[in-house]
Amino acid sequence: MNDVNVQSPDGVTLVGAGDLTPGNLSDALARAPVLVAADGGANHCAQHGHAPHTVIGDFDSLDPEMRKTLSSTRFVHVAEQD
């Protein structure tokens, strides 16, 4: 497995592909401002106007067009998710 390390003294918000409202994301980012997405969670982040610092996964649920908009994002491919 790839060694993935995202650290912040102020906390990290992790977004998956589940339900997400703009209010939930804003509240989480107020508490933990570094945004990390698990695969398709990056779609939600971008739809709500936020570019994740890092996206981790096999990218099977990440929209290819959405990925193009995330130019400042670090992508960490993890093939062995199962």
Protein backbone atom coordinates (compact mmCIF):
# COMPACT_ATOMS: atom_id res chain seq x y z
CA MET A 1 0.00 0.00 0.00
CA ASN A 2 1.13 3.55 -0.69
CA ASP A 3 2.31 5.54 2.28
CA VAL A 4 -0.19 8.39 2.49
CA ASN A 5 0.37 11.01 5.12
CA VAL A 6 -1.70 14.16 5.46
CA GLN A 7 -1.04 16.14 8.62
CA SER A 8 -2.30 19.39 10.01
CA PRO A 9 -2.08 20.84 13.49
CA ASP A 10 -5.53 22.31 12.85
CA GLY A 11 -7.25 19.06 11.83
CA VAL A 12 -8.27 17.27 8.65
CA THR A 13 -11.76 16.95 7.17
CA LEU A 14 -12.26 13.69 5.30
CA VAL A 15 -15.10 13.54 2.75
CA GLY A 16 -16.37 10.29 1.27
CA ALA A 17 -18.99 9.65 -1.37
CA GLY A 18 -21.95 9.74 1.05
CA ASP A 19 -24.49 12.52 1.51
CA LEU A 20 -22.97 15.95 2.01
CA THR A 21 -24.63 19.32 2.44
CA PRO A 22 -22.89 22.68 2.06
CA GLY A 23 -23.62 23.38 5.73
CA ASN A 24 -22.04 20.12 6.88
CA LEU A 25 -18.93 20.77 4.83
CA SER A 26 -18.63 24.36 6.05
CA ASP A 27 -19.02 23.27 9.68
CA ALA A 28 -16.39 20.55 9.28
CA LEU A 29 -13.93 22.87 7.54
CA ALA A 30 -14.36 25.48 10.29
CA ARG A 31 -13.12 22.85 12.75
CA ALA A 32 -10.61 21.03 10.53
CA PRO A 33 -9.58 23.18 7.55
CA VAL A 34 -7.43 20.72 5.54
CA LEU A 35 -9.76 18.94 3.12
CA VAL A 36 -9.07 15.35 2.02
CA ALA A 37 -11.43 13.34 -0.17
CA ALA A 38 -11.78 9.61 -0.50
CA ASP A 39 -12.23 8.91 -4.20
CA GLY A 40 -15.73 10.08 -5.27
CA GLY A 41 -15.90 12.38 -2.26
CA ALA A 42 -13.88 14.78 -4.41
CA ASN A 43 -16.95 15.15 -6.65
CA HIS A 44 -18.93 16.44 -3.67
CA CYS A 45 -16.17 18.79 -2.59
CA ALA A 46 -15.86 20.35 -6.04
CA GLN A 47 -19.64 20.63 -6.43
CA HIS A 48 -19.68 22.68 -3.21
CA GLY A 49 -16.84 24.91 -4.40
CA HIS A 50 -13.95 23.33 -2.49
CA ALA A 51 -10.84 21.76 -3.96
CA PRO A 52 -9.47 19.00 -1.73
CA HIS A 53 -5.84 19.17 -0.67
CA THR A 54 -5.54 15.43 -1.42
CA VAL A 55 -7.71 12.76 -3.05
CA ILE A 56 -7.00 9.16 -2.06
CA GLY A 57 -8.40 6.07 -3.79
CA ASP A 58 -8.55 4.05 -6.98
CA PHE A 59 -10.53 6.88 -8.66
CA ASP A 60 -13.26 4.57 -9.96
CA SER A 61 -15.97 6.94 -8.73
CA LEU A 62 -14.17 10.23 -9.38
CA ASP A 63 -15.70 12.01 -12.36
CA PRO A 64 -12.93 12.49 -14.98
CA GLU A 65 -14.21 15.97 -15.87
CA MET A 66 -14.31 16.91 -12.19
CA ARG A 67 -10.72 15.72 -11.78
CA LYS A 68 -9.61 18.16 -14.49
CA THR A 69 -10.95 21.07 -12.40
CA LEU A 70 -8.86 20.03 -9.40
CA SER A 71 -5.51 21.26 -10.72
CA SER A 72 -4.03 22.10 -7.32
CA THR A 73 -5.03 18.79 -5.76
CA ARG A 74 -2.62 15.98 -4.87
CA PHE A 75 -3.85 12.57 -6.10
CA VAL A 76 -2.73 9.39 -4.34
CA HIS A 77 -3.67 6.22 -6.21
CA VAL A 78 -4.40 3.24 -3.96
CA ALA A 79 -5.25 0.21 -6.10
CA GLU A 80 -5.69 -2.31 -3.29
CA GLN A 81 -8.73 -0.75 -1.59
CA ASP A 82 -10.46 -4.08 -0.97
